[in-house]
Protein backbone atom coordinates (compact mmCIF):
# COMPACT_ATOMS: atom_id res chain seq x y z
CA MET A 1 62.54 27.33 375.92
CA ASN A 2 62.06 29.21 379.13
CA LYS A 3 59.23 31.68 379.49
CA PRO A 4 60.25 35.27 380.14
CA ALA A 5 60.60 36.06 383.84
CA PHE A 6 58.33 39.08 383.42
CA LYS A 7 55.72 40.41 381.06
CA LEU A 8 56.36 43.81 379.50
CA LYS A 9 53.68 46.30 380.35
CA LYS A 10 52.85 49.36 378.30
CA THR A 11 55.83 51.65 378.26
CA ALA A 12 55.97 55.37 378.87
CA MET A 13 56.61 55.85 375.15
CA ASP A 14 53.28 54.25 374.22
CA PRO A 15 51.45 57.13 372.47
CA VAL A 16 48.00 55.88 373.47
CA ARG A 17 48.96 56.52 377.08
CA HIS A 18 49.42 60.24 376.36
CA ILE A 19 46.67 60.99 373.79
CA PRO A 20 44.07 62.27 376.30
CA ARG A 21 46.53 64.91 377.51
CA TYR A 22 47.67 65.97 374.03
CA GLY A 23 44.40 67.81 373.38
CA SER A 24 44.80 69.90 376.50
CA TYR A 25 48.47 70.54 375.65
CA LEU A 26 47.43 71.83 372.23
CA ILE A 27 44.83 74.17 373.73
CA GLN A 28 47.31 75.42 376.35
CA THR A 29 49.86 76.03 373.62
CA LEU A 30 47.44 77.84 371.32
CA PHE A 31 46.46 80.21 374.12
CA SER A 32 50.02 81.12 375.02
CA PRO A 33 50.65 84.88 374.76
CA ILE A 34 53.40 84.63 372.13
CA LEU A 35 51.25 82.55 369.76
CA ILE A 36 48.27 84.86 370.27
CA PHE A 37 50.58 87.78 369.46
CA PHE A 38 51.74 86.16 366.19
CA ALA A 39 48.17 85.20 365.23
CA VAL A 40 46.93 88.76 365.81
CA LEU A 41 49.94 90.28 364.07
CA GLY A 42 49.45 87.98 361.08
CA ASN A 43 45.78 88.87 360.78
CA VAL A 44 46.51 92.60 361.11
CA CYS A 45 49.11 92.34 358.33
CA LEU A 46 46.66 90.38 356.17
CA GLY A 47 43.93 92.95 356.80
CA ALA A 48 46.28 95.85 356.00
CA GLY A 49 47.42 94.18 352.77
CA ILE A 50 43.85 93.47 351.72
CA TYR A 51 42.81 97.05 352.52
CA VAL A 52 45.66 98.59 350.50
CA PHE A 53 45.06 96.17 347.64
CA PHE A 54 41.32 96.81 347.50
CA THR A 55 41.52 100.60 347.77
CA HIS A 56 44.08 100.84 344.97
CA GLU A 57 42.82 98.08 342.68
CA GLN A 58 39.07 98.68 342.78
CA GLY A 59 38.00 100.51 339.66
CA VAL A 60 41.37 99.85 337.96
CA ASN A 61 41.48 96.06 338.07
CA PRO A 62 38.45 94.40 336.42
CA HIS A 63 38.88 91.34 338.68
CA VAL A 64 38.54 93.34 341.92
CA GLU A 65 34.94 94.44 342.42
CA THR A 66 34.20 93.48 346.05
CA TRP A 67 36.00 93.12 349.35
CA PHE A 68 35.64 89.38 348.91
CA ASP A 69 37.75 89.57 345.74
CA ALA A 70 40.46 91.35 347.75
CA LEU A 71 40.15 88.81 350.56
CA TRP A 72 40.43 85.96 348.03
CA TRP A 73 43.56 87.54 346.54
CA GLY A 74 45.04 88.21 350.00
CA MET A 75 44.48 84.66 351.24
CA ALA A 76 45.91 83.17 348.05
CA THR A 77 48.94 85.44 348.34
CA VAL A 78 49.67 85.07 352.07
CA THR A 79 49.31 81.28 351.93
CA THR A 80 51.60 81.21 348.86
CA VAL A 81 48.94 79.38 346.83
CA GLY A 82 48.81 82.20 344.29
CA TYR A 83 46.07 81.00 341.95
CA GLY A 84 46.74 83.85 339.56
CA ASP A 85 43.08 84.54 338.86
CA ILE A 86 43.44 87.98 340.50
CA VAL A 87 46.72 89.85 340.08
CA PRO A 88 47.62 93.40 341.07
CA MET A 89 47.76 95.97 338.29
CA THR A 90 48.80 99.07 340.24
CA VAL A 91 52.15 99.75 341.87
CA GLU A 92 50.44 100.03 345.26
CA GLY A 93 48.72 96.66 344.72
CA LYS A 94 52.04 95.06 343.81
CA ILE A 95 53.66 96.55 346.93
CA ALA A 96 50.77 95.13 349.00
CA GLY A 97 51.46 91.76 347.36
CA ILE A 98 55.17 91.90 348.22
CA PHE A 99 54.27 92.91 351.77
CA LEU A 100 51.86 89.97 352.13
CA MET A 101 54.30 87.51 350.60
CA LEU A 102 57.06 88.46 353.04
CA THR A 103 54.99 88.88 356.18
CA GLY A 104 52.88 85.82 355.43
CA LEU A 105 55.92 83.65 354.98
CA ILE A 106 57.79 84.97 358.01
CA LEU A 107 54.82 85.01 360.37
CA PHE A 108 53.44 81.64 359.26
CA ILE A 109 56.81 79.93 359.64
CA SER A 110 57.41 81.59 363.01
CA PHE A 111 53.94 80.70 364.28
CA SER A 112 54.22 77.09 363.10
CA ALA A 113 57.71 76.62 364.53
CA MET A 114 56.73 78.01 367.92
CA LEU A 115 53.51 76.00 368.03
CA VAL A 116 55.29 72.73 367.31
CA SER A 117 58.18 73.52 369.64
CA MET A 118 55.96 74.51 372.55
CA PHE A 119 53.59 71.56 372.05
CA PHE A 120 56.33 68.98 371.89
CA THR A 121 58.12 70.49 374.88
CA LYS A 122 54.95 69.94 376.93
CA ALA A 123 54.57 66.41 375.57
CA GLU A 124 58.25 65.63 376.17
CA VAL A 125 58.01 66.75 379.80
CA ASP A 126 54.94 64.54 380.23
CA ILE A 127 56.71 61.55 378.75
CA ALA A 128 59.83 62.18 380.83
CA HIS A 129 57.76 62.24 384.02
CA THR A 130 56.14 58.90 383.22
CA GLN A 131 59.35 57.25 382.08
CA THR A 132 60.72 56.34 385.49
CA VAL A 133 61.70 52.72 385.96
CA THR A 134 61.42 51.16 389.39
CA HIS A 135 64.21 49.15 390.90
CA ALA A 136 62.08 46.00 390.69
CA GLU A 137 61.48 46.56 386.94
CA PHE A 138 65.19 47.15 386.37
CA LYS A 139 66.08 44.00 388.34
CA ALA A 140 63.54 41.96 386.34
CA VAL A 141 65.05 43.16 383.06
CA MET A 142 68.57 42.41 384.26
CA ASP A 143 67.52 38.91 385.41
CA GLU A 144 65.94 38.24 382.02
CA LEU A 145 69.10 39.48 380.32
CA LYS A 146 71.17 37.11 382.44
CA ILE A 147 68.93 34.18 381.43
CA LEU A 148 69.22 35.14 377.75
CA ARG A 149 73.01 35.32 377.99
CA GLN A 150 73.10 31.87 379.57
CA GLU A 151 70.90 30.49 376.79
CA ILE A 152 73.15 32.06 374.14
CA GLN A 153 76.22 30.55 375.82
CA SER A 154 74.59 27.12 375.96
CA LEU A 155 73.66 27.38 372.26
CA LYS A 156 77.24 28.40 371.36
CA SER A 157 78.74 25.54 373.37
CA SER A 158 76.34 22.96 371.89
CA THR A 159 77.32 23.79 368.30
């Protein structure tokens, strides 16, 4: 058998080639104004829900004694974990729970979708810029293809 006319080098799609830049892309993406806005908005909503929950549940709900109890409940609610160890007993606490469930879901999904979209757009542009093929590389591939076709034809005719 003939040896290939060329040796394949690492391609533009090789992830190892792009890993050093991915960290900087992630940092650039995280510090984009829209993601900062959603992060701040999400934390403000969480804080408001925790405040309403604590002020209306403390003294009524035996499981809510400290701000940490309210924070624990708020984090479990907004992340949709919902352990159930602390549940609202007042109407205001239940409204705070509904508020956190809706805003947590909407803001978390929006934040995640934008983060992934923006990150992969940066990575895709990087890959596209490194994916150019020179004329010499194209010619080498076409020459190798021609040799392979000739070998296939010779195998077909010998059988």
